[in-house]
Amino acid sequence: MNKEAKLTVKFWGVRGSIPCPGLAYHRYGGNTPCVEITCGDKTLIFDAGTGLRVLGQELIKKGRIEAEIFFSHAHLDHIIGFPFFAPAFNPKNKFKIWSAVFDQQIPIKEVFKKLTSSPMFPVSLEVFNANLDFLTFRPGDKIELDGGISLSTVALNHPQGAVGYRVNFGGRSICYITDTEHKAGEIDQNIKGLVSGSDLVIYDACFTDEDYPNFAGWGHSTWQEGVKLCDAASVKKLVIFHHDPGNDDTAMDIIYEEVNKARPGSLVAMEGMELEV
């Protein structure tokens, strides 16, 4: 394991539920979830929201591409960018596509077949000529990759199921925890165990504590709960994520100020933001 190799995260899509283009969303961005984590020379992609299209355009500049794509779950905002991921059409490229197995759910490959079928899409999954290797795991499993990269996983509290990840590389760690709903007055012990002592946690803060009572059962959390979790788990840095499409740049500025008062040094994810751990 090379402790000198860089571990970085870059945000290509930070919104939840639906894209929200427009000048009012210019600074924080309007694309749905897509996060790139680079471990040395290895590329890991988390979720395939509309931000994946822009990431694909950047990856093409590098020539032949090999990457691992990990899905938190198969709700539309997390998969809708995949049919527009240009590198997936090039037979020179290779992608391992990871998703968790949940009871009574169809595999992610079958989800993509449905997504690219009539009447929703003009061409089928068969025209995606890259080498696509679909792999599954159970929430709670550990995944070992080449290059000294390991991932821990945990089930999240979300309708139809979702999974959170911890990427471990070179003695450092980044956690991707999106689409999870907290229980009032409780810290989710499974998530706490996953993120404990980590360098950076990306956390679903779609709502605020003030908004949350109107959306109980929707499967999302608040920045206030992210602060409580990270404090309880001795996390170094919190990055809030999966922003409500109703919150424009002005609203996000207010949230940014409030989360930093509660936990100095915390960040609000913005498209294009890149952090080295």
C-alpha atoms as a PDB file:
ATOM      1  CA  MET A   1       0.000   0.000   0.000  1.00  0.00           C
ATOM      2  CA  ASN A   2       1.581   3.241  -1.162  1.00  0.00           C
ATOM      3  CA  LYS A   3       1.104   5.984   1.426  1.00  0.00           C
ATOM      4  CA  GLU A   4       2.674   8.479  -0.966  1.00  0.00           C
ATOM      5  CA  ALA A   5       0.084   7.947  -3.722  1.00  0.00           C
ATOM      6  CA  LYS A   6      -2.640  10.586  -3.852  1.00  0.00           C
ATOM      7  CA  LEU A   7      -6.160   9.989  -2.612  1.00  0.00           C
ATOM      8  CA  THR A   8      -8.523  12.595  -4.045  1.00  0.00           C
ATOM      9  CA  VAL A   9     -12.245  13.122  -4.474  1.00  0.00           C
ATOM     10  CA  LYS A  10     -13.919  15.244  -7.142  1.00  0.00           C
ATOM     11  CA  PHE A  11     -17.597  16.138  -7.336  1.00  0.00           C
ATOM     12  CA  TRP A  12     -19.319  15.969 -10.739  1.00  0.00           C
ATOM     13  CA  GLY A  13     -22.926  15.983  -9.528  1.00  0.00           C
ATOM     14  CA  VAL A  14     -24.142  17.060  -6.086  1.00  0.00           C
ATOM     15  CA  ARG A  15     -27.936  17.413  -6.332  1.00  0.00           C
ATOM     16  CA  GLY A  16     -30.593  14.939  -5.316  1.00  0.00           C
ATOM     17  CA  SER A  17     -33.887  13.949  -6.920  1.00  0.00           C
ATOM     18  CA  ILE A  18     -33.777  15.903 -10.192  1.00  0.00           C
ATOM     19  CA  PRO A  19     -31.313  18.098 -12.130  1.00  0.00           C
ATOM     20  CA  CYS A  20     -31.790  21.823 -11.606  1.00  0.00           C
ATOM     21  CA  PRO A  21     -30.008  23.858 -14.292  1.00  0.00           C
ATOM     22  CA  GLY A  22     -29.995  27.635 -14.344  1.00  0.00           C
ATOM     23  CA  LEU A  23     -28.127  30.690 -13.157  1.00  0.00           C
ATOM     24  CA  ALA A  24     -29.530  30.387  -9.651  1.00  0.00           C
ATOM     25  CA  TYR A  25     -27.639  27.083  -9.274  1.00  0.00           C
ATOM     26  CA  HIS A  26     -24.427  28.092 -11.015  1.00  0.00           C
ATOM     27  CA  ARG A  27     -21.988  28.004  -8.090  1.00  0.00           C
ATOM     28  CA  TYR A  28     -23.054  24.783  -6.389  1.00  0.00           C
ATOM     29  CA  GLY A  29     -24.234  22.989  -9.519  1.00  0.00           C
ATOM     30  CA  GLY A  30     -27.405  21.287 -10.684  1.00  0.00           C
ATOM     31  CA  ASN A  31     -26.337  17.780 -11.785  1.00  0.00           C
ATOM     32  CA  THR A  32     -27.425  14.705  -9.846  1.00  0.00           C
ATOM     33  CA  PRO A  33     -25.002  12.474  -7.928  1.00  0.00           C
ATOM     34  CA  CYS A  34     -21.648  11.473  -9.368  1.00  0.00           C
ATOM     35  CA  VAL A  35     -18.423  11.417  -7.351  1.00  0.00           C
ATOM     36  CA  GLU A  36     -14.963  10.432  -8.584  1.00  0.00           C
ATOM     37  CA  ILE A  37     -12.424   9.050  -6.107  1.00  0.00           C
ATOM     38  CA  THR A  38      -8.873   8.597  -7.374  1.00  0.00           C
ATOM     39  CA  CYS A  39      -6.550   6.217  -5.516  1.00  0.00           C
ATOM     40  CA  GLY A  40      -3.116   6.651  -7.053  1.00  0.00           C
ATOM     41  CA  ASP A  41      -3.714   5.790 -10.707  1.00  0.00           C
ATOM     42  CA  LYS A  42      -7.023   3.980 -10.073  1.00  0.00           C
ATOM     43  CA  THR A  43     -10.379   5.613 -10.793  1.00  0.00           C
ATOM     44  CA  LEU A  44     -13.466   4.812  -8.733  1.00  0.00           C
ATOM     45  CA  ILE A  45     -16.821   6.370  -9.655  1.00  0.00           C
ATOM     46  CA  PHE A  46     -19.738   6.529  -7.241  1.00  0.00           C
ATOM     47  CA  ASP A  47     -23.203   6.741  -8.786  1.00  0.00           C
ATOM     48  CA  ALA A  48     -24.186   7.673 -12.308  1.00  0.00           C
ATOM     49  CA  GLY A  49     -26.389  10.739 -12.039  1.00  0.00           C
ATOM     50  CA  THR A  50     -26.317  13.422 -14.707  1.00  0.00           C
ATOM     51  CA  GLY A  51     -22.871  14.484 -13.489  1.00  0.00           C
ATOM     52  CA  LEU A  52     -21.495  11.281 -15.061  1.00  0.00           C
ATOM     53  CA  ARG A  53     -21.923  12.747 -18.541  1.00  0.00           C
ATOM     54  CA  VAL A  54     -19.482  15.575 -17.791  1.00  0.00           C
ATOM     55  CA  LEU A  55     -17.043  13.194 -16.088  1.00  0.00           C
ATOM     56  CA  GLY A  56     -17.154  11.011 -19.202  1.00  0.00           C
ATOM     57  CA  GLN A  57     -16.160  13.932 -21.394  1.00  0.00           C
ATOM     58  CA  GLU A  58     -13.138  14.542 -19.157  1.00  0.00           C
ATOM     59  CA  LEU A  59     -12.114  10.887 -19.030  1.00  0.00           C
ATOM     60  CA  ILE A  60     -12.099  10.634 -22.829  1.00  0.00           C
ATOM     61  CA  LYS A  61      -9.163  13.055 -22.904  1.00  0.00           C
ATOM     62  CA  LYS A  62      -7.050  10.417 -21.130  1.00  0.00           C
ATOM     63  CA  GLY A  63      -7.412   7.854 -23.899  1.00  0.00           C
ATOM     64  CA  ARG A  64      -8.138   4.243 -22.940  1.00  0.00           C
ATOM     65  CA  ILE A  65     -10.143   4.080 -19.717  1.00  0.00           C
ATOM     66  CA  GLU A  66     -10.466   1.487 -16.978  1.00  0.00           C
ATOM     67  CA  ALA A  67     -12.549   2.302 -13.911  1.00  0.00           C
ATOM     68  CA  GLU A  68     -14.738   0.816 -11.217  1.00  0.00           C
ATOM     69  CA  ILE A  69     -18.287   2.175 -10.875  1.00  0.00           C
ATOM     70  CA  PHE A  70     -20.118   1.722  -7.575  1.00  0.00           C
ATOM     71  CA  PHE A  71     -23.836   2.325  -7.130  1.00  0.00           C
ATOM     72  CA  SER A  72     -25.504   3.340  -3.900  1.00  0.00           C
ATOM     73  CA  HIS A  73     -28.865   2.260  -5.337  1.00  0.00           C
ATOM     74  CA  ALA A  74     -30.919   2.385  -8.517  1.00  0.00           C
ATOM     75  CA  HIS A  75     -33.234   5.354  -8.044  1.00  0.00           C
ATOM     76  CA  LEU A  76     -33.454   7.435 -11.197  1.00  0.00           C
ATOM     77  CA  ASP A  77     -31.363  10.400 -10.042  1.00  0.00           C
ATOM     78  CA  HIS A  78     -28.423   8.037  -9.407  1.00  0.00           C
ATOM     79  CA  ILE A  79     -28.517   6.145 -12.720  1.00  0.00           C
ATOM     80  CA  ILE A  80     -29.904   8.547 -15.346  1.00  0.00           C
ATOM     81  CA  GLY A  81     -26.455   9.671 -16.519  1.00  0.00           C
ATOM     82  CA  PHE A  82     -25.278   6.198 -17.527  1.00  0.00           C
ATOM     83  CA  PRO A  83     -26.901   6.109 -20.999  1.00  0.00           C
ATOM     84  CA  PHE A  84     -25.060   9.382 -21.744  1.00  0.00           C
ATOM     85  CA  PHE A  85     -21.650   8.202 -20.489  1.00  0.00           C
ATOM     86  CA  ALA A  86     -19.637   8.418 -23.719  1.00  0.00           C
ATOM     87  CA  PRO A  87     -16.750   6.126 -22.601  1.00  0.00           C
ATOM     88  CA  ALA A  88     -19.240   3.243 -22.296  1.00  0.00           C
ATOM     89  CA  PHE A  89     -19.599   3.202 -26.103  1.00  0.00           C
ATOM     90  CA  ASN A  90     -15.877   2.650 -26.821  1.00  0.00           C
ATOM     91  CA  PRO A  91     -14.762  -1.015 -27.012  1.00  0.00           C
ATOM     92  CA  LYS A  92     -11.270  -0.022 -25.825  1.00  0.00           C
ATOM     93  CA  ASN A  93     -12.636   0.901 -22.394  1.00  0.00           C
ATOM     94  CA  LYS A  94     -13.314  -1.395 -19.466  1.00  0.00           C
ATOM     95  CA  PHE A  95     -15.612  -0.863 -16.503  1.00  0.00           C
ATOM     96  CA  LYS A  96     -16.419  -3.011 -13.516  1.00  0.00           C
ATOM     97  CA  ILE A  97     -19.885  -2.055 -12.311  1.00  0.00           C
ATOM     98  CA  TRP A  98     -20.661  -2.856  -8.676  1.00  0.00           C
ATOM     99  CA  SER A  99     -24.062  -2.866  -6.992  1.00  0.00           C
ATOM    100  CA  ALA A 100     -25.516  -4.318  -3.826  1.00  0.00           C
ATOM    101  CA  VAL A 101     -28.033  -7.161  -3.865  1.00  0.00           C
ATOM    102  CA  PHE A 102     -31.250  -6.395  -2.017  1.00  0.00           C
ATOM    103  CA  ASP A 103     -34.119  -8.803  -1.521  1.00  0.00           C
ATOM    104  CA  GLN A 104     -36.854  -8.621  -4.170  1.00  0.00           C
ATOM    105  CA  GLN A 105     -34.929  -6.218  -6.390  1.00  0.00           C
ATOM    106  CA  ILE A 106     -33.715  -6.740  -9.923  1.00  0.00           C
ATOM    107  CA  PRO A 107     -29.943  -6.546 -10.640  1.00  0.00           C
ATOM    108  CA  ILE A 108     -28.492  -3.229 -11.851  1.00  0.00           C
ATOM    109  CA  LYS A 109     -27.825  -4.701 -15.304  1.00  0.00           C
ATOM    110  CA  GLU A 110     -31.528  -5.433 -15.680  1.00  0.00           C
ATOM    111  CA  VAL A 111     -32.307  -1.903 -14.478  1.00  0.00           C
ATOM    112  CA  PHE A 112     -30.142  -0.515 -17.285  1.00  0.00           C
ATOM    113  CA  LYS A 113     -31.826  -2.797 -19.810  1.00  0.00           C
ATOM    114  CA  LYS A 114     -35.171  -1.351 -18.775  1.00  0.00           C
ATOM    115  CA  LEU A 115     -33.812   2.205 -18.780  1.00  0.00           C
ATOM    116  CA  THR A 116     -32.526   1.807 -22.352  1.00  0.00           C
ATOM    117  CA  SER A 117     -35.637   0.090 -23.700  1.00  0.00           C
ATOM    118  CA  SER A 118     -38.646   1.368 -25.629  1.00  0.00           C
ATOM    119  CA  PRO A 119     -40.343   3.764 -25.132  1.00  0.00           C
ATOM    120  CA  MET A 120     -37.807   5.403 -22.782  1.00  0.00           C
ATOM    121  CA  PHE A 121     -34.637   5.292 -24.895  1.00  0.00           C
ATOM    122  CA  PRO A 122     -33.843   5.017 -28.625  1.00  0.00           C
ATOM    123  CA  VAL A 123     -31.106   2.326 -28.405  1.00  0.00           C
ATOM    124  CA  SER A 124     -30.609  -0.764 -26.248  1.00  0.00           C
ATOM    125  CA  LEU A 125     -27.861  -1.624 -23.782  1.00  0.00           C
ATOM    126  CA  GLU A 126     -26.262  -3.807 -26.471  1.00  0.00           C
ATOM    127  CA  VAL A 127     -24.880  -0.725 -28.259  1.00  0.00           C
ATOM    128  CA  PHE A 128     -22.713   0.077 -25.233  1.00  0.00           C
ATOM    129  CA  ASN A 129     -19.572  -1.486 -26.661  1.00  0.00           C
ATOM    130  CA  ALA A 130     -17.168  -1.019 -23.750  1.00  0.00           C
ATOM    131  CA  ASN A 131     -16.283  -4.077 -21.698  1.00  0.00           C
ATOM    132  CA  LEU A 132     -18.930  -3.880 -18.959  1.00  0.00           C
ATOM    133  CA  ASP A 133     -18.499  -6.371 -16.137  1.00  0.00           C
ATOM    134  CA  PHE A 134     -21.447  -6.357 -13.715  1.00  0.00           C
ATOM    135  CA  LEU A 135     -20.577  -7.473 -10.172  1.00  0.00           C
ATOM    136  CA  THR A 136     -22.693  -7.750  -7.024  1.00  0.00           C
ATOM    137  CA  PHE A 137     -22.175  -7.897  -3.280  1.00  0.00           C
ATOM    138  CA  ARG A 138     -24.236  -7.936  -0.096  1.00  0.00           C
ATOM    139  CA  PRO A 139     -24.346  -4.848   2.147  1.00  0.00           C
ATOM    140  CA  GLY A 140     -21.773  -5.434   4.837  1.00  0.00           C
ATOM    141  CA  ASP A 141     -19.334  -7.168   2.485  1.00  0.00           C
ATOM    142  CA  LYS A 142     -15.773  -5.956   1.992  1.00  0.00           C
ATOM    143  CA  ILE A 143     -14.402  -5.461  -1.511  1.00  0.00           C
ATOM    144  CA  GLU A 144     -10.703  -5.744  -2.296  1.00  0.00           C
ATOM    145  CA  LEU A 145      -9.335  -4.083  -5.431  1.00  0.00           C
ATOM    146  CA  ASP A 146      -5.904  -4.084  -7.020  1.00  0.00           C
ATOM    147  CA  GLY A 147      -3.459  -1.415  -5.910  1.00  0.00           C
ATOM    148  CA  GLY A 148      -4.066  -1.709  -2.172  1.00  0.00           C
ATOM    149  CA  ILE A 149      -7.630  -0.366  -2.321  1.00  0.00           C
ATOM    150  CA  SER A 150     -10.306  -1.828  -0.061  1.00  0.00           C
ATOM    151  CA  LEU A 151     -13.928  -0.869   0.397  1.00  0.00           C
ATOM    152  CA  SER A 152     -16.225  -1.516   3.334  1.00  0.00           C
ATOM    153  CA  THR A 153     -19.989  -1.359   2.829  1.00  0.00           C
ATOM    154  CA  VAL A 154     -23.088  -0.926   4.959  1.00  0.00           C
ATOM    155  CA  ALA A 155     -26.841  -0.920   4.380  1.00  0.00           C
ATOM    156  CA  LEU A 156     -28.521   2.501   4.562  1.00  0.00           C
ATOM    157  CA  ASN A 157     -32.060   3.411   5.603  1.00  0.00           C
ATOM    158  CA  HIS A 158     -33.686   4.258   2.263  1.00  0.00           C
ATOM    159  CA  PRO A 159     -36.824   3.072   0.428  1.00  0.00           C
ATOM    160  CA  GLN A 160     -35.975  -0.043  -1.637  1.00  0.00           C
ATOM    161  CA  GLY A 161     -32.520  -0.078  -0.027  1.00  0.00           C
ATOM    162  CA  ALA A 162     -29.209   1.722  -0.527  1.00  0.00           C
ATOM    163  CA  VAL A 163     -25.595   1.119   0.435  1.00  0.00           C
ATOM    164  CA  GLY A 164     -22.834   3.318   1.845  1.00  0.00           C
ATOM    165  CA  TYR A 165     -19.123   2.902   1.141  1.00  0.00           C
ATOM    166  CA  ARG A 166     -15.809   3.506   2.874  1.00  0.00           C
ATOM    167  CA  VAL A 167     -12.785   3.642   0.560  1.00  0.00           C
ATOM    168  CA  ASN A 168      -9.512   2.783   2.301  1.00  0.00           C
ATOM    169  CA  PHE A 169      -6.212   3.550   0.586  1.00  0.00           C
ATOM    170  CA  GLY A 170      -2.730   4.284   1.869  1.00  0.00           C
ATOM    171  CA  GLY A 171      -3.857   4.597   5.472  1.00  0.00           C
ATOM    172  CA  ARG A 172      -6.515   7.180   4.557  1.00  0.00           C
ATOM    173  CA  SER A 173     -10.244   6.922   3.995  1.00  0.00           C
ATOM    174  CA  ILE A 174     -13.190   8.586   2.256  1.00  0.00           C
ATOM    175  CA  CYS A 175     -16.791   7.599   3.024  1.00  0.00           C
ATOM    176  CA  TYR A 176     -19.731   8.012   0.639  1.00  0.00           C
ATOM    177  CA  ILE A 177     -22.990   8.011   2.621  1.00  0.00           C
ATOM    178  CA  THR A 178     -25.898   9.260   0.563  1.00  0.00           C
ATOM    179  CA  ASP A 179     -29.629   8.508   0.559  1.00  0.00           C
ATOM    180  CA  THR A 180     -30.073   7.511   4.171  1.00  0.00           C
ATOM    181  CA  GLU A 181     -32.683   8.589   6.703  1.00  0.00           C
ATOM    182  CA  HIS A 182     -31.774   9.022  10.362  1.00  0.00           C
ATOM    183  CA  LYS A 183     -34.031   8.170  13.267  1.00  0.00           C
ATOM    184  CA  ALA A 184     -34.848  11.135  15.480  1.00  0.00           C
ATOM    185  CA  GLY A 185     -32.593  11.310  18.503  1.00  0.00           C
ATOM    186  CA  GLU A 186     -30.416   8.378  17.384  1.00  0.00           C
ATOM    187  CA  ILE A 187     -27.062   7.896  15.722  1.00  0.00           C
ATOM    188  CA  ASP A 188     -27.149   5.059  13.180  1.00  0.00           C
ATOM    189  CA  GLN A 189     -24.650   2.670  14.758  1.00  0.00           C
ATOM    190  CA  ASN A 190     -23.975   0.809  11.508  1.00  0.00           C
ATOM    191  CA  ILE A 191     -23.013   4.037   9.734  1.00  0.00           C
ATOM    192  CA  LYS A 192     -21.057   5.218  12.768  1.00  0.00           C
ATOM    193  CA  GLY A 193     -19.038   2.021  12.684  1.00  0.00           C
ATOM    194  CA  LEU A 194     -18.320   2.429   8.986  1.00  0.00           C
ATOM    195  CA  VAL A 195     -17.155   6.057   9.152  1.00  0.00           C
ATOM    196  CA  SER A 196     -15.400   5.931  12.532  1.00  0.00           C
ATOM    197  CA  GLY A 197     -12.079   7.782  12.439  1.00  0.00           C
ATOM    198  CA  SER A 198     -12.288   8.447   8.702  1.00  0.00           C
ATOM    199  CA  ASP A 199     -10.625  11.402   7.025  1.00  0.00           C
ATOM    200  CA  LEU A 200     -13.637  12.618   5.049  1.00  0.00           C
ATOM    201  CA  VAL A 201     -17.350  11.777   5.025  1.00  0.00           C
ATOM    202  CA  ILE A 202     -19.679  12.736   2.180  1.00  0.00           C
ATOM    203  CA  TYR A 203     -23.125  12.782   3.786  1.00  0.00           C
ATOM    204  CA  ASP A 204     -26.700  13.080   2.561  1.00  0.00           C
ATOM    205  CA  ALA A 205     -27.965  16.435   3.817  1.00  0.00           C
ATOM    206  CA  CYS A 206     -30.915  16.886   1.479  1.00  0.00           C
ATOM    207  CA  PHE A 207     -32.989  18.513   4.197  1.00  0.00           C
ATOM    208  CA  THR A 208     -32.541  20.676   7.266  1.00  0.00           C
ATOM    209  CA  ASP A 209     -33.941  19.844  10.691  1.00  0.00           C
ATOM    210  CA  GLU A 210     -36.639  22.452  10.026  1.00  0.00           C
ATOM    211  CA  ASP A 211     -37.664  20.823   6.720  1.00  0.00           C
ATOM    212  CA  TYR A 212     -37.311  17.223   7.795  1.00  0.00           C
ATOM    213  CA  PRO A 213     -40.717  16.673   9.509  1.00  0.00           C
ATOM    214  CA  ASN A 214     -42.431  17.352   6.160  1.00  0.00           C
ATOM    215  CA  PHE A 215     -40.393  14.625   4.440  1.00  0.00           C
ATOM    216  CA  ALA A 216     -40.198  11.800   6.956  1.00  0.00           C
ATOM    217  CA  GLY A 217     -40.084   8.499   5.095  1.00  0.00           C
ATOM    218  CA  TRP A 218     -38.455   9.916   1.963  1.00  0.00           C
ATOM    219  CA  GLY A 219     -35.116   8.368   2.877  1.00  0.00           C
ATOM    220  CA  HIS A 220     -32.906  11.415   3.434  1.00  0.00           C
ATOM    221  CA  SER A 221     -31.123  13.162   6.283  1.00  0.00           C
ATOM    222  CA  THR A 222     -30.043  16.651   7.377  1.00  0.00           C
ATOM    223  CA  TRP A 223     -26.769  18.505   7.765  1.00  0.00           C
ATOM    224  CA  GLN A 224     -27.417  18.721  11.495  1.00  0.00           C
ATOM    225  CA  GLU A 225     -27.483  14.926  11.706  1.00  0.00           C
ATOM    226  CA  GLY A 226     -24.309  14.791   9.614  1.00  0.00           C
ATOM    227  CA  VAL A 227     -22.594  16.978  12.200  1.00  0.00           C
ATOM    228  CA  LYS A 228     -23.797  14.753  15.056  1.00  0.00           C
ATOM    229  CA  LEU A 229     -22.639  11.612  13.249  1.00  0.00           C
ATOM    230  CA  CYS A 230     -19.198  12.971  12.431  1.00  0.00           C
ATOM    231  CA  ASP A 231     -18.675  14.290  15.943  1.00  0.00           C
ATOM    232  CA  ALA A 232     -19.709  10.953  17.453  1.00  0.00           C
ATOM    233  CA  ALA A 233     -17.464   9.011  15.052  1.00  0.00           C
ATOM    234  CA  SER A 234     -14.399  11.308  15.310  1.00  0.00           C
ATOM    235  CA  VAL A 235     -14.465  12.088  11.590  1.00  0.00           C
ATOM    236  CA  LYS A 236     -11.954  14.689  10.430  1.00  0.00           C
ATOM    237  CA  LYS A 237     -13.998  16.464   7.726  1.00  0.00           C
ATOM    238  CA  LEU A 238     -17.682  16.526   6.785  1.00  0.00           C
ATOM    239  CA  VAL A 239     -18.872  17.328   3.254  1.00  0.00           C
ATOM    240  CA  ILE A 240     -22.631  17.689   2.885  1.00  0.00           C
ATOM    241  CA  PHE A 241     -24.127  16.365  -0.325  1.00  0.00           C
ATOM    242  CA  HIS A 242     -27.313  15.459  -2.253  1.00  0.00           C
ATOM    243  CA  HIS A 243     -28.641  19.007  -2.037  1.00  0.00           C
ATOM    244  CA  ASP A 244     -32.366  19.633  -2.313  1.00  0.00           C
ATOM    245  CA  PRO A 245     -33.100  20.977  -5.826  1.00  0.00           C
ATOM    246  CA  GLY A 246     -35.255  23.619  -4.172  1.00  0.00           C
ATOM    247  CA  ASN A 247     -32.193  25.221  -2.578  1.00  0.00           C
ATOM    248  CA  ASP A 248     -30.535  27.676  -4.948  1.00  0.00           C
ATOM    249  CA  ASP A 249     -27.072  29.208  -4.448  1.00  0.00           C
ATOM    250  CA  THR A 250     -28.378  31.770  -1.969  1.00  0.00           C
ATOM    251  CA  ALA A 251     -30.015  29.083   0.166  1.00  0.00           C
ATOM    252  CA  MET A 252     -26.897  26.921  -0.019  1.00  0.00           C
ATOM    253  CA  ASP A 253     -24.743  29.843   1.128  1.00  0.00           C
ATOM    254  CA  ILE A 254     -26.863  30.090   4.271  1.00  0.00           C
ATOM    255  CA  ILE A 255     -26.540  26.345   4.890  1.00  0.00           C
ATOM    256  CA  TYR A 256     -22.770  26.589   4.329  1.00  0.00           C
ATOM    257  CA  GLU A 257     -22.519  29.277   7.003  1.00  0.00           C
ATOM    258  CA  GLU A 258     -24.680  27.357   9.461  1.00  0.00           C
ATOM    259  CA  VAL A 259     -22.878  24.022   9.095  1.00  0.00           C
ATOM    260  CA  ASN A 260     -19.533  25.751   9.619  1.00  0.00           C
ATOM    261  CA  LYS A 261     -20.759  27.371  12.805  1.00  0.00           C
ATOM    262  CA  ALA A 262     -21.796  23.935  14.060  1.00  0.00           C
ATOM    263  CA  ARG A 263     -18.650  22.140  12.833  1.00  0.00           C
ATOM    264  CA  PRO A 264     -15.840  24.437  11.663  1.00  0.00           C
ATOM    265  CA  GLY A 265     -14.055  23.288   8.538  1.00  0.00           C
ATOM    266  CA  SER A 266     -17.055  21.445   7.098  1.00  0.00           C
ATOM    267  CA  LEU A 267     -17.730  21.832   3.391  1.00  0.00           C
ATOM    268  CA  VAL A 268     -20.725  21.944   1.081  1.00  0.00           C
ATOM    269  CA  ALA A 269     -20.174  19.897  -2.062  1.00  0.00           C
ATOM    270  CA  MET A 270     -19.941  21.928  -5.269  1.00  0.00           C
ATOM    271  CA  GLU A 271     -19.592  20.643  -8.801  1.00  0.00           C
ATOM    272  CA  GLY A 272     -15.950  20.714  -9.797  1.00  0.00           C
ATOM    273  CA  MET A 273     -14.688  20.793  -6.215  1.00  0.00           C
ATOM    274  CA  GLU A 274     -11.649  18.556  -5.763  1.00  0.00           C
ATOM    275  CA  LEU A 275     -10.154  17.593  -2.397  1.00  0.00           C
ATOM    276  CA  GLU A 276      -6.985  15.715  -1.550  1.00  0.00           C
ATOM    277  CA  VAL A 277      -7.051  13.554   1.577  1.00  0.00           C
END
